Structure formats: structure tokens, C-alpha cells
Amino acid sequence: MERCEATTGDICRRPATWKHSVYVGNREAGRFLYNGYWCDEHAERVAEQRRQDRIPPPRLTRIAQMEA
């Protein structure tokens, strides 16, 4: 399983639950660059930052369910 890639302050050690596909250009019509992996908390931070910057929200895909 992938790990969260957040490194702000300290490295996040939680398992990734979201995959963020990054493209150059117009979403999936552009050239694929890389996949980023985020835990729930950091995925929300990425989405919130994009809302504040007034750019389209990231295309996040859930890759794992959190166990209760």
C-alpha cells in the first residue's frame, strides 16, 4: 500500500487513501506527469488550498477504505 506523500513540517506516516493524478494541460487530455498519494487529512488540505487559489479542484480517486 502507498504512503501519504505529505512532508510539510514532518513526514506523514499514514497509509494513502487518495490518489491524485497530475497532468500538464487540460486534465486527462494533457500529458500525464505523476500520481500523488494522500491520506484523508492531507487530501482535504490539497483541495482546500486549490479552492483558496481559485483553481479547479484536484481529481482525487479513493484507493482505500479506512477501517472502523
PDB file of N, CA and C in Angstrom:
ATOM      1  N   MET A   1       0.847  -1.184   0.000  1.00  0.00           N
ATOM      2  CA  MET A   1       0.000   0.000   0.000  1.00  0.00           C
ATOM      3  C   MET A   1       0.891   1.246   0.000  1.00  0.00           C
ATOM      4  N   GLU A   2       0.446   2.261  -0.694  1.00  0.00           N
ATOM      5  CA  GLU A   2       1.170   3.522  -0.775  1.00  0.00           C
ATOM      6  C   GLU A   2       1.088   4.274   0.552  1.00  0.00           C
ATOM      7  N   ARG A   3       2.064   5.126   0.797  1.00  0.00           N
ATOM      8  CA  ARG A   3       2.087   6.002   1.973  1.00  0.00           C
ATOM      9  C   ARG A   3       1.759   7.419   1.535  1.00  0.00           C
ATOM     10  N   CYS A   4       1.195   8.198   2.443  1.00  0.00           N
ATOM     11  CA  CYS A   4       0.927   9.613   2.189  1.00  0.00           C
ATOM     12  C   CYS A   4       2.248  10.313   1.895  1.00  0.00           C
ATOM     13  N   GLU A   5       2.254  11.199   0.906  1.00  0.00           N
ATOM     14  CA  GLU A   5       3.475  11.880   0.483  1.00  0.00           C
ATOM     15  C   GLU A   5       3.654  13.257   1.106  1.00  0.00           C
ATOM     16  N   ALA A   6       2.792  13.635   2.037  1.00  0.00           N
ATOM     17  CA  ALA A   6       2.894  14.958   2.649  1.00  0.00           C
ATOM     18  C   ALA A   6       4.173  15.062   3.472  1.00  0.00           C
ATOM     19  N   THR A   7       4.876  16.170   3.318  1.00  0.00           N
ATOM     20  CA  THR A   7       6.125  16.379   4.054  1.00  0.00           C
ATOM     21  C   THR A   7       6.177  17.747   4.713  1.00  0.00           C
ATOM     22  N   THR A   8       5.060  18.440   4.828  1.00  0.00           N
ATOM     23  CA  THR A   8       5.043  19.747   5.471  1.00  0.00           C
ATOM     24  C   THR A   8       5.278  19.576   6.964  1.00  0.00           C
ATOM     25  N   GLY A   9       6.348  20.160   7.460  1.00  0.00           N
ATOM     26  CA  GLY A   9       6.683  20.031   8.872  1.00  0.00           C
ATOM     27  C   GLY A   9       7.376  18.715   9.157  1.00  0.00           C
ATOM     28  N   ASP A  10       6.703  17.613   8.956  1.00  0.00           N
ATOM     29  CA  ASP A  10       7.252  16.284   9.201  1.00  0.00           C
ATOM     30  C   ASP A  10       6.668  15.347   8.148  1.00  0.00           C
ATOM     31  N   ILE A  11       7.267  14.205   7.984  1.00  0.00           N
ATOM     32  CA  ILE A  11       6.769  13.236   7.011  1.00  0.00           C
ATOM     33  C   ILE A  11       5.547  12.528   7.589  1.00  0.00           C
ATOM     34  N   CYS A  12       4.476  12.502   6.813  1.00  0.00           N
ATOM     35  CA  CYS A  12       3.254  11.806   7.234  1.00  0.00           C
ATOM     36  C   CYS A  12       3.484  10.308   7.077  1.00  0.00           C
ATOM     37  N   ARG A  13       3.173   9.556   8.090  1.00  0.00           N
ATOM     38  CA  ARG A  13       3.411   8.114   8.058  1.00  0.00           C
ATOM     39  C   ARG A  13       2.126   7.306   7.877  1.00  0.00           C
ATOM     40  N   ARG A  14       1.015   7.980   7.617  1.00  0.00           N
ATOM     41  CA  ARG A  14      -0.254   7.279   7.442  1.00  0.00           C
ATOM     42  C   ARG A  14      -0.350   6.647   6.052  1.00  0.00           C
ATOM     43  N   PRO A  15      -1.140   5.591   5.917  1.00  0.00           N
ATOM     44  CA  PRO A  15      -1.338   4.997   4.587  1.00  0.00           C
ATOM     45  C   PRO A  15      -2.153   5.947   3.712  1.00  0.00           C
ATOM     46  N   ALA A  16      -1.867   5.944   2.441  1.00  0.00           N
ATOM     47  CA  ALA A  16      -2.592   6.795   1.499  1.00  0.00           C
ATOM     48  C   ALA A  16      -3.982   6.229   1.258  1.00  0.00           C
ATOM     49  N   THR A  17      -4.965   7.111   1.207  1.00  0.00           N
ATOM     50  CA  THR A  17      -6.333   6.702   0.896  1.00  0.00           C
ATOM     51  C   THR A  17      -6.843   7.384  -0.368  1.00  0.00           C
ATOM     52  N   TRP A  18      -6.060   8.321  -0.912  1.00  0.00           N
ATOM     53  CA  TRP A  18      -6.448   9.050  -2.125  1.00  0.00           C
ATOM     54  C   TRP A  18      -5.285   9.095  -3.101  1.00  0.00           C
ATOM     55  N   LYS A  19      -5.601   8.987  -4.395  1.00  0.00           N
ATOM     56  CA  LYS A  19      -4.612   9.130  -5.457  1.00  0.00           C
ATOM     57  C   LYS A  19      -4.966  10.386  -6.243  1.00  0.00           C
ATOM     58  N   HIS A  20      -3.978  11.229  -6.491  1.00  0.00           N
ATOM     59  CA  HIS A  20      -4.158  12.489  -7.207  1.00  0.00           C
ATOM     60  C   HIS A  20      -3.337  12.402  -8.492  1.00  0.00           C
ATOM     61  N   SER A  21      -4.007  12.270  -9.642  1.00  0.00           N
ATOM     62  CA  SER A  21      -3.318  12.191 -10.930  1.00  0.00           C
ATOM     63  C   SER A  21      -3.078  13.599 -11.447  1.00  0.00           C
ATOM     64  N   VAL A  22      -1.829  13.885 -11.819  1.00  0.00           N
ATOM     65  CA  VAL A  22      -1.433  15.231 -12.254  1.00  0.00           C
ATOM     66  C   VAL A  22      -1.076  15.187 -13.735  1.00  0.00           C
ATOM     67  N   TYR A  23      -1.686  16.110 -14.494  1.00  0.00           N
ATOM     68  CA  TYR A  23      -1.471  16.204 -15.935  1.00  0.00           C
ATOM     69  C   TYR A  23      -1.036  17.617 -16.297  1.00  0.00           C
ATOM     70  N   VAL A  24      -0.305  17.744 -17.412  1.00  0.00           N
ATOM     71  CA  VAL A  24       0.006  19.048 -17.984  1.00  0.00           C
ATOM     72  C   VAL A  24      -1.109  19.348 -18.966  1.00  0.00           C
ATOM     73  N   GLY A  25      -1.658  20.539 -18.898  1.00  0.00           N
ATOM     74  CA  GLY A  25      -2.704  20.901 -19.841  1.00  0.00           C
ATOM     75  C   GLY A  25      -4.086  20.688 -19.261  1.00  0.00           C
ATOM     76  N   ASN A  26      -4.994  20.294 -20.094  1.00  0.00           N
ATOM     77  CA  ASN A  26      -6.408  20.206 -19.760  1.00  0.00           C
ATOM     78  C   ASN A  26      -6.778  18.837 -19.186  1.00  0.00           C
ATOM     79  N   ARG A  27      -6.563  18.666 -17.887  1.00  0.00           N
ATOM     80  CA  ARG A  27      -6.915  17.420 -17.180  1.00  0.00           C
ATOM     81  C   ARG A  27      -6.403  16.197 -17.921  1.00  0.00           C
ATOM     82  N   GLU A  28      -7.255  15.184 -18.136  1.00  0.00           N
ATOM     83  CA  GLU A  28      -6.828  13.942 -18.765  1.00  0.00           C
ATOM     84  C   GLU A  28      -6.486  14.099 -20.238  1.00  0.00           C
ATOM     85  N   ALA A  29      -6.841  15.241 -20.850  1.00  0.00           N
ATOM     86  CA  ALA A  29      -6.494  15.468 -22.253  1.00  0.00           C
ATOM     87  C   ALA A  29      -5.022  15.849 -22.393  1.00  0.00           C
ATOM     88  N   GLY A  30      -4.395  16.277 -21.295  1.00  0.00           N
ATOM     89  CA  GLY A  30      -2.992  16.671 -21.320  1.00  0.00           C
ATOM     90  C   GLY A  30      -2.067  15.489 -21.099  1.00  0.00           C
ATOM     91  N   ARG A  31      -0.795  15.777 -21.052  1.00  0.00           N
ATOM     92  CA  ARG A  31       0.223  14.745 -20.840  1.00  0.00           C
ATOM     93  C   ARG A  31       0.293  14.392 -19.355  1.00  0.00           C
ATOM     94  N   PHE A  32       0.290  13.098 -19.040  1.00  0.00           N
ATOM     95  CA  PHE A  32       0.356  12.623 -17.661  1.00  0.00           C
ATOM     96  C   PHE A  32       1.736  12.924 -17.088  1.00  0.00           C
ATOM     97  N   LEU A  33       1.785  13.464 -15.849  1.00  0.00           N
ATOM     98  CA  LEU A  33       3.052  13.723 -15.174  1.00  0.00           C
ATOM     99  C   LEU A  33       3.342  12.690 -14.093  1.00  0.00           C
ATOM    100  N   TYR A  34       2.456  12.598 -13.101  1.00  0.00           N
ATOM    101  CA  TYR A  34       2.701  11.673 -11.997  1.00  0.00           C
ATOM    102  C   TYR A  34       1.436  11.495 -11.174  1.00  0.00           C
ATOM    103  N   ASN A  35       1.455  10.516 -10.276  1.00  0.00           N
ATOM    104  CA  ASN A  35       0.397  10.319  -9.292  1.00  0.00           C
ATOM    105  C   ASN A  35       0.929  10.742  -7.938  1.00  0.00           C
ATOM    106  N   GLY A  36       0.125  11.500  -7.196  1.00  0.00           N
ATOM    107  CA  GLY A  36       0.438  11.841  -5.819  1.00  0.00           C
ATOM    108  C   GLY A  36      -0.481  11.047  -4.915  1.00  0.00           C
ATOM    109  N   TYR A  37      -0.005  10.680  -3.740  1.00  0.00           N
ATOM    110  CA  TYR A  37      -0.800   9.874  -2.814  1.00  0.00           C
ATOM    111  C   TYR A  37      -0.949  10.628  -1.500  1.00  0.00           C
ATOM    112  N   TRP A  38      -2.196  10.654  -0.965  1.00  0.00           N
ATOM    113  CA  TRP A  38      -2.506  11.454   0.215  1.00  0.00           C
ATOM    114  C   TRP A  38      -3.393  10.682   1.171  1.00  0.00           C
ATOM    115  N   CYS A  39      -3.236  10.954   2.469  1.00  0.00           N
ATOM    116  CA  CYS A  39      -4.173  10.450   3.477  1.00  0.00           C
ATOM    117  C   CYS A  39      -5.394  11.380   3.458  1.00  0.00           C
ATOM    118  N   ASP A  40      -6.434  11.051   4.199  1.00  0.00           N
ATOM    119  CA  ASP A  40      -7.655  11.866   4.200  1.00  0.00           C
ATOM    120  C   ASP A  40      -7.377  13.317   4.585  1.00  0.00           C
ATOM    121  N   GLU A  41      -6.598  13.519   5.652  1.00  0.00           N
ATOM    122  CA  GLU A  41      -6.329  14.880   6.135  1.00  0.00           C
ATOM    123  C   GLU A  41      -5.595  15.714   5.083  1.00  0.00           C
ATOM    124  N   HIS A  42      -4.555  15.161   4.492  1.00  0.00           N
ATOM    125  CA  HIS A  42      -3.773  15.925   3.536  1.00  0.00           C
ATOM    126  C   HIS A  42      -4.486  16.095   2.195  1.00  0.00           C
ATOM    127  N   ALA A  43      -5.343  15.144   1.814  1.00  0.00           N
ATOM    128  CA  ALA A  43      -6.145  15.308   0.601  1.00  0.00           C
ATOM    129  C   ALA A  43      -7.087  16.501   0.759  1.00  0.00           C
ATOM    130  N   GLU A  44      -7.686  16.648   1.950  1.00  0.00           N
ATOM    131  CA  GLU A  44      -8.560  17.790   2.204  1.00  0.00           C
ATOM    132  C   GLU A  44      -7.764  19.092   2.166  1.00  0.00           C
ATOM    133  N   ARG A  45      -6.548  19.080   2.687  1.00  0.00           N
ATOM    134  CA  ARG A  45      -5.710  20.287   2.652  1.00  0.00           C
ATOM    135  C   ARG A  45      -5.378  20.691   1.216  1.00  0.00           C
ATOM    136  N   VAL A  46      -5.069  19.707   0.370  1.00  0.00           N
ATOM    137  CA  VAL A  46      -4.769  19.986  -1.037  1.00  0.00           C
ATOM    138  C   VAL A  46      -5.996  20.598  -1.713  1.00  0.00           C
ATOM    139  N   ALA A  47      -7.159  20.003  -1.490  1.00  0.00           N
ATOM    140  CA  ALA A  47      -8.393  20.516  -2.095  1.00  0.00           C
ATOM    141  C   ALA A  47      -8.709  21.922  -1.584  1.00  0.00           C
ATOM    142  N   GLU A  48      -8.545  22.163  -0.293  1.00  0.00           N
ATOM    143  CA  GLU A  48      -8.821  23.484   0.280  1.00  0.00           C
ATOM    144  C   GLU A  48      -7.872  24.534  -0.281  1.00  0.00           C
ATOM    145  N   GLN A  49      -6.609  24.203  -0.412  1.00  0.00           N
ATOM    146  CA  GLN A  49      -5.638  25.159  -0.966  1.00  0.00           C
ATOM    147  C   GLN A  49      -6.006  25.530  -2.394  1.00  0.00           C
ATOM    148  N   ARG A  50      -6.439  24.567  -3.185  1.00  0.00           N
ATOM    149  CA  ARG A  50      -6.840  24.862  -4.563  1.00  0.00           C
ATOM    150  C   ARG A  50      -8.089  25.735  -4.592  1.00  0.00           C
ATOM    151  N   ARG A  51      -9.026  25.521  -3.649  1.00  0.00           N
ATOM    152  CA  ARG A  51     -10.221  26.384  -3.577  1.00  0.00           C
ATOM    153  C   ARG A  51      -9.815  27.811  -3.248  1.00  0.00           C
ATOM    154  N   GLN A  52      -8.881  27.976  -2.318  1.00  0.00           N
ATOM    155  CA  GLN A  52      -8.421  29.313  -1.937  1.00  0.00           C
ATOM    156  C   GLN A  52      -7.696  29.997  -3.091  1.00  0.00           C
ATOM    157  N   ASP A  53      -6.969  29.221  -3.890  1.00  0.00           N
ATOM    158  CA  ASP A  53      -6.248  29.772  -5.032  1.00  0.00           C
ATOM    159  C   ASP A  53      -7.154  29.975  -6.245  1.00  0.00           C
ATOM    160  N   ARG A  54      -8.425  29.564  -6.115  1.00  0.00           N
ATOM    161  CA  ARG A  54      -9.428  29.692  -7.179  1.00  0.00           C
ATOM    162  C   ARG A  54      -9.030  28.995  -8.470  1.00  0.00           C
ATOM    163  N   ILE A  55      -8.524  27.782  -8.306  1.00  0.00           N
ATOM    164  CA  ILE A  55      -8.223  26.938  -9.456  1.00  0.00           C
ATOM    165  C   ILE A  55      -9.061  25.672  -9.341  1.00  0.00           C
ATOM    166  N   PRO A  56      -9.248  24.931 -10.428  1.00  0.00           N
ATOM    167  CA  PRO A  56     -10.114  23.747 -10.361  1.00  0.00           C
ATOM    168  C   PRO A  56      -9.655  22.779  -9.283  1.00  0.00           C
ATOM    169  N   PRO A  57     -10.604  22.106  -8.653  1.00  0.00           N
ATOM    170  CA  PRO A  57     -10.248  21.150  -7.603  1.00  0.00           C
ATOM    171  C   PRO A  57      -9.443  19.998  -8.178  1.00  0.00           C
ATOM    172  N   PRO A  58      -8.624  19.356  -7.349  1.00  0.00           N
ATOM    173  CA  PRO A  58      -7.847  18.220  -7.840  1.00  0.00           C
ATOM    174  C   PRO A  58      -8.759  17.035  -8.153  1.00  0.00           C
ATOM    175  N   ARG A  59      -8.337  16.212  -9.061  1.00  0.00           N
ATOM    176  CA  ARG A  59      -9.082  14.995  -9.371  1.00  0.00           C
ATOM    177  C   ARG A  59      -8.546  13.902  -8.460  1.00  0.00           C
ATOM    178  N   LEU A  60      -9.251  13.665  -7.357  1.00  0.00           N
ATOM    179  CA  LEU A  60      -8.827  12.678  -6.372  1.00  0.00           C
ATOM    180  C   LEU A  60      -9.655  11.404  -6.532  1.00  0.00           C
ATOM    181  N   THR A  61      -9.002  10.270  -6.429  1.00  0.00           N
ATOM    182  CA  THR A  61      -9.660   8.974  -6.517  1.00  0.00           C
ATOM    183  C   THR A  61      -9.374   8.207  -5.240  1.00  0.00           C
ATOM    184  N   ARG A  62     -10.437   7.733  -4.570  1.00  0.00           N
ATOM    185  CA  ARG A  62     -10.246   6.960  -3.334  1.00  0.00           C
ATOM    186  C   ARG A  62      -9.636   5.613  -3.693  1.00  0.00           C
ATOM    187  N   ILE A  63      -8.543   5.261  -3.001  1.00  0.00           N
ATOM    188  CA  ILE A  63      -7.875   3.991  -3.287  1.00  0.00           C
ATOM    189  C   ILE A  63      -7.994   2.998  -2.134  1.00  0.00           C
ATOM    190  N   ALA A  64      -8.482   3.442  -0.974  1.00  0.00           N
ATOM    191  CA  ALA A  64      -8.599   2.536   0.173  1.00  0.00           C
ATOM    192  C   ALA A  64      -9.688   3.038   1.105  1.00  0.00           C
ATOM    193  N   GLN A  65     -10.324   2.117   1.780  1.00  0.00           N
ATOM    194  CA  GLN A  65     -11.313   2.463   2.788  1.00  0.00           C
ATOM    195  C   GLN A  65     -10.645   2.410   4.152  1.00  0.00           C
ATOM    196  N   MET A  66     -10.944   3.386   4.999  1.00  0.00           N
ATOM    197  CA  MET A  66     -10.409   3.371   6.363  1.00  0.00           C
ATOM    198  C   MET A  66     -11.164   2.324   7.165  1.00  0.00           C
ATOM    199  N   GLU A  67     -10.446   1.572   7.987  1.00  0.00           N
ATOM    200  CA  GLU A  67     -11.078   0.566   8.822  1.00  0.00           C
ATOM    201  C   GLU A  67     -11.688   1.224  10.049  1.00  0.00           C
ATOM    202  N   ALA A  68     -12.885   0.764  10.435  1.00  0.00           N
ATOM    203  CA  ALA A  68     -13.574   1.341  11.595  1.00  0.00           C
ATOM    204  C   ALA A  68     -13.061   0.766  12.881  1.00  0.00           C
TER     205      ALA A  68
END
